[in-house]
Amino acid sequence: MKLYNKWLQTRSDVDLNKYKKYKNKLTSVLRNAEKLYYSNRFNEIQGNINEAWQIIKTILPTSSNKGSISEIEAGNNIISDKKTYL
């Protein structure tokens, strides 16, 4: 944050490059740490599919409309009544 604030004050290319270099390095370190964490977690629960899926669900982004379907096109017809296509 200090490097970014310094760049905001000076707007120099040198400060911008320092900030970008540090930001990219930090992003890389965080991604590697996350990969290592999940790799270790999956190794710990090897063979337990339920716990594996619990971890996977925490990793995946959530959606407010998880797989809900409002309409289906069947041939030339558009069906919007769930009872019709369930």
N, C-alpha and C. Protein backbone atom coordinates (compact mmCIF):
# COMPACT_ATOMS: atom_id res chain seq x y z
N MET A 1 0.82 -1.18 0.00
CA MET A 1 0.00 0.00 0.00
C MET A 1 0.87 1.25 0.00
N LYS A 2 2.00 1.18 0.69
CA LYS A 2 2.89 2.34 0.73
C LYS A 2 3.44 2.66 -0.66
N LEU A 3 3.79 1.61 -1.42
CA LEU A 3 4.32 1.84 -2.77
C LEU A 3 3.26 2.46 -3.67
N TYR A 4 2.04 2.00 -3.54
CA TYR A 4 0.95 2.56 -4.34
C TYR A 4 0.70 4.02 -3.97
N ASN A 5 0.66 4.30 -2.68
CA ASN A 5 0.45 5.68 -2.23
C ASN A 5 1.59 6.59 -2.69
N LYS A 6 2.80 6.06 -2.66
CA LYS A 6 3.94 6.85 -3.13
C LYS A 6 3.78 7.16 -4.60
N TRP A 7 3.37 6.16 -5.38
CA TRP A 7 3.17 6.39 -6.80
C TRP A 7 2.06 7.41 -7.03
N LEU A 8 0.97 7.34 -6.24
CA LEU A 8 -0.11 8.31 -6.39
C LEU A 8 0.39 9.74 -6.15
N GLN A 9 1.31 9.89 -5.23
CA GLN A 9 1.83 11.22 -4.93
C GLN A 9 2.80 11.72 -6.00
N THR A 10 3.68 10.83 -6.47
CA THR A 10 4.72 11.27 -7.40
C THR A 10 4.34 11.09 -8.86
N ARG A 11 3.56 10.08 -9.15
CA ARG A 11 3.19 9.71 -10.54
C ARG A 11 4.41 9.50 -11.43
N SER A 12 5.49 9.02 -10.82
CA SER A 12 6.70 8.76 -11.60
C SER A 12 6.69 7.33 -12.12
N ASP A 13 7.34 7.12 -13.25
CA ASP A 13 7.43 5.78 -13.84
C ASP A 13 8.22 4.83 -12.94
N VAL A 14 9.22 5.36 -12.27
CA VAL A 14 10.04 4.53 -11.39
C VAL A 14 9.19 3.97 -10.24
N ASP A 15 8.39 4.84 -9.62
CA ASP A 15 7.53 4.38 -8.52
C ASP A 15 6.44 3.44 -9.01
N LEU A 16 5.93 3.69 -10.21
CA LEU A 16 4.92 2.79 -10.77
C LEU A 16 5.51 1.41 -11.02
N ASN A 17 6.71 1.36 -11.57
CA ASN A 17 7.36 0.08 -11.84
C ASN A 17 7.66 -0.69 -10.55
N LYS A 18 8.09 0.04 -9.50
CA LYS A 18 8.32 -0.60 -8.21
C LYS A 18 7.04 -1.21 -7.67
N TYR A 19 5.96 -0.42 -7.74
CA TYR A 19 4.66 -0.90 -7.26
C TYR A 19 4.21 -2.14 -8.04
N LYS A 20 4.27 -2.10 -9.36
CA LYS A 20 3.83 -3.22 -10.19
C LYS A 20 4.66 -4.47 -9.92
N LYS A 21 5.96 -4.28 -9.79
CA LYS A 21 6.84 -5.42 -9.54
C LYS A 21 6.50 -6.09 -8.21
N TYR A 22 6.29 -5.28 -7.18
CA TYR A 22 5.95 -5.81 -5.86
C TYR A 22 4.56 -6.46 -5.88
N LYS A 23 3.60 -5.82 -6.54
CA LYS A 23 2.24 -6.37 -6.63
C LYS A 23 2.24 -7.72 -7.34
N ASN A 24 2.98 -7.82 -8.44
CA ASN A 24 3.04 -9.08 -9.19
C ASN A 24 3.71 -10.18 -8.37
N LYS A 25 4.75 -9.83 -7.64
CA LYS A 25 5.44 -10.81 -6.80
C LYS A 25 4.52 -11.29 -5.68
N LEU A 26 3.81 -10.36 -5.05
CA LEU A 26 2.88 -10.72 -3.99
C LEU A 26 1.76 -11.61 -4.51
N THR A 27 1.21 -11.27 -5.67
CA THR A 27 0.16 -12.10 -6.27
C THR A 27 0.67 -13.51 -6.53
N SER A 28 1.88 -13.62 -7.04
CA SER A 28 2.47 -14.94 -7.30
C SER A 28 2.65 -15.73 -6.01
N VAL A 29 3.15 -15.09 -4.98
CA VAL A 29 3.36 -15.77 -3.69
C VAL A 29 2.02 -16.24 -3.11
N LEU A 30 1.01 -15.39 -3.19
CA LEU A 30 -0.31 -15.76 -2.66
C LEU A 30 -0.93 -16.93 -3.43
N ARG A 31 -0.80 -16.91 -4.74
CA ARG A 31 -1.33 -18.03 -5.55
C ARG A 31 -0.62 -19.34 -5.23
N ASN A 32 0.68 -19.27 -5.10
CA ASN A 32 1.44 -20.49 -4.77
C ASN A 32 1.08 -21.00 -3.38
N ALA A 33 0.89 -20.10 -2.43
CA ALA A 33 0.50 -20.51 -1.08
C ALA A 33 -0.87 -21.17 -1.09
N GLU A 34 -1.79 -20.62 -1.89
CA GLU A 34 -3.13 -21.21 -1.98
C GLU A 34 -3.07 -22.60 -2.61
N LYS A 35 -2.29 -22.75 -3.67
CA LYS A 35 -2.12 -24.07 -4.31
C LYS A 35 -1.55 -25.08 -3.32
N LEU A 36 -0.54 -24.68 -2.58
CA LEU A 36 0.08 -25.57 -1.60
C LEU A 36 -0.91 -25.95 -0.51
N TYR A 37 -1.69 -24.99 -0.04
CA TYR A 37 -2.69 -25.25 1.01
C TYR A 37 -3.69 -26.31 0.54
N TYR A 38 -4.26 -26.11 -0.65
CA TYR A 38 -5.26 -27.07 -1.13
C TYR A 38 -4.63 -28.42 -1.48
N SER A 39 -3.43 -28.41 -1.98
CA SER A 39 -2.74 -29.66 -2.24
C SER A 39 -2.56 -30.46 -0.95
N ASN A 40 -2.14 -29.78 0.11
CA ASN A 40 -1.99 -30.45 1.41
C ASN A 40 -3.32 -30.94 1.95
N ARG A 41 -4.37 -30.12 1.81
CA ARG A 41 -5.70 -30.52 2.30
C ARG A 41 -6.18 -31.77 1.57
N PHE A 42 -6.03 -31.82 0.26
CA PHE A 42 -6.47 -33.00 -0.50
C PHE A 42 -5.63 -34.22 -0.17
N ASN A 43 -4.36 -34.04 0.10
CA ASN A 43 -3.52 -35.17 0.51
C ASN A 43 -3.94 -35.71 1.87
N GLU A 44 -4.35 -34.81 2.78
CA GLU A 44 -4.79 -35.23 4.12
C GLU A 44 -6.07 -36.05 4.08
N ILE A 45 -6.96 -35.74 3.16
CA ILE A 45 -8.27 -36.41 3.12
C ILE A 45 -8.36 -37.42 2.00
N GLN A 46 -7.25 -37.85 1.50
CA GLN A 46 -7.23 -38.79 0.38
C GLN A 46 -8.13 -39.99 0.67
N GLY A 47 -9.03 -40.27 -0.25
CA GLY A 47 -9.95 -41.40 -0.11
C GLY A 47 -11.28 -41.03 0.50
N ASN A 48 -11.44 -39.81 1.00
CA ASN A 48 -12.70 -39.38 1.59
C ASN A 48 -13.37 -38.40 0.63
N ILE A 49 -14.24 -38.95 -0.22
CA ILE A 49 -14.86 -38.15 -1.29
C ILE A 49 -15.77 -37.06 -0.74
N ASN A 50 -16.44 -37.31 0.39
CA ASN A 50 -17.34 -36.29 0.94
C ASN A 50 -16.57 -35.05 1.38
N GLU A 51 -15.47 -35.25 2.07
CA GLU A 51 -14.67 -34.09 2.50
C GLU A 51 -14.05 -33.39 1.30
N ALA A 52 -13.67 -34.16 0.28
CA ALA A 52 -13.10 -33.56 -0.93
C ALA A 52 -14.12 -32.64 -1.58
N TRP A 53 -15.37 -33.08 -1.67
CA TRP A 53 -16.40 -32.24 -2.28
C TRP A 53 -16.70 -31.02 -1.42
N GLN A 54 -16.61 -31.14 -0.12
CA GLN A 54 -16.81 -29.97 0.74
C GLN A 54 -15.74 -28.91 0.46
N ILE A 55 -14.51 -29.35 0.27
CA ILE A 55 -13.44 -28.41 -0.06
C ILE A 55 -13.68 -27.79 -1.43
N ILE A 56 -14.04 -28.61 -2.39
CA ILE A 56 -14.29 -28.11 -3.75
C ILE A 56 -15.39 -27.06 -3.74
N LYS A 57 -16.44 -27.31 -2.97
CA LYS A 57 -17.55 -26.34 -2.90
C LYS A 57 -17.10 -25.01 -2.31
N THR A 58 -16.13 -25.02 -1.39
CA THR A 58 -15.65 -23.76 -0.83
C THR A 58 -14.79 -22.99 -1.83
N ILE A 59 -14.19 -23.70 -2.78
CA ILE A 59 -13.33 -23.07 -3.77
C ILE A 59 -14.13 -22.44 -4.90
N LEU A 60 -15.18 -23.14 -5.33
CA LEU A 60 -15.96 -22.68 -6.47
C LEU A 60 -16.76 -21.43 -6.11
N PRO A 61 -16.89 -20.52 -7.07
CA PRO A 61 -17.70 -19.32 -6.80
C PRO A 61 -19.17 -19.69 -6.67
N THR A 62 -19.87 -18.96 -5.83
CA THR A 62 -21.29 -19.23 -5.65
C THR A 62 -22.08 -18.36 -6.60
N SER A 63 -23.24 -18.84 -6.93
CA SER A 63 -24.13 -18.10 -7.82
C SER A 63 -25.50 -18.05 -7.18
N SER A 64 -26.19 -16.95 -7.37
CA SER A 64 -27.52 -16.81 -6.76
C SER A 64 -28.55 -17.68 -7.46
N ASN A 65 -28.33 -18.02 -8.71
CA ASN A 65 -29.29 -18.84 -9.45
C ASN A 65 -28.70 -20.19 -9.78
N LYS A 66 -28.12 -20.86 -8.84
CA LYS A 66 -27.42 -22.14 -9.03
C LYS A 66 -28.19 -23.09 -9.94
N GLY A 67 -27.89 -23.03 -11.19
CA GLY A 67 -28.44 -23.97 -12.14
C GLY A 67 -29.92 -23.88 -12.38
N SER A 68 -30.56 -22.81 -12.01
CA SER A 68 -32.00 -22.71 -12.25
C SER A 68 -32.25 -22.41 -13.72
N ILE A 69 -33.25 -23.05 -14.24
CA ILE A 69 -33.60 -22.90 -15.64
C ILE A 69 -34.97 -22.23 -15.71
N SER A 70 -35.05 -21.15 -16.45
CA SER A 70 -36.34 -20.46 -16.55
C SER A 70 -37.10 -20.88 -17.80
N GLU A 71 -36.37 -21.23 -18.86
CA GLU A 71 -37.02 -21.65 -20.11
C GLU A 71 -36.19 -22.72 -20.81
N ILE A 72 -36.88 -23.57 -21.56
CA ILE A 72 -36.22 -24.58 -22.38
C ILE A 72 -36.84 -24.51 -23.76
N GLU A 73 -35.98 -24.57 -24.76
CA GLU A 73 -36.47 -24.59 -26.13
C GLU A 73 -36.52 -26.03 -26.60
N ALA A 74 -37.70 -26.50 -26.96
CA ALA A 74 -37.89 -27.86 -27.45
C ALA A 74 -38.47 -27.77 -28.85
N GLY A 75 -37.61 -27.98 -29.83
CA GLY A 75 -38.05 -27.81 -31.21
C GLY A 75 -38.37 -26.35 -31.47
N ASN A 76 -39.62 -26.08 -31.85
CA ASN A 76 -40.05 -24.70 -32.08
C ASN A 76 -40.80 -24.14 -30.89
N ASN A 77 -40.90 -24.90 -29.81
CA ASN A 77 -41.64 -24.47 -28.63
C ASN A 77 -40.70 -24.00 -27.53
N ILE A 78 -41.13 -22.98 -26.81
CA ILE A 78 -40.41 -22.52 -25.64
C ILE A 78 -41.25 -22.87 -24.43
N ILE A 79 -40.68 -23.68 -23.54
CA ILE A 79 -41.39 -24.15 -22.35
C ILE A 79 -40.87 -23.39 -21.15
N SER A 80 -41.78 -22.74 -20.42
CA SER A 80 -41.37 -22.00 -19.24
C SER A 80 -42.01 -22.53 -17.96
N ASP A 81 -42.88 -23.54 -18.09
CA ASP A 81 -43.53 -24.14 -16.94
C ASP A 81 -42.69 -25.31 -16.47
N LYS A 82 -42.18 -25.26 -15.23
CA LYS A 82 -41.30 -26.33 -14.72
C LYS A 82 -41.97 -27.69 -14.76
N LYS A 83 -43.26 -27.76 -14.49
CA LYS A 83 -43.96 -29.04 -14.46
C LYS A 83 -43.95 -29.72 -15.83
N THR A 84 -43.84 -28.94 -16.87
CA THR A 84 -43.85 -29.49 -18.23
C THR A 84 -42.55 -30.20 -18.54
N TYR A 85 -41.42 -29.66 -18.10
CA TYR A 85 -40.13 -30.26 -18.46
C TYR A 85 -39.47 -31.01 -17.34
N LEU A 86 -40.11 -31.16 -16.20
CA LEU A 86 -39.52 -31.96 -15.12
C LEU A 86 -39.95 -33.36 -15.21
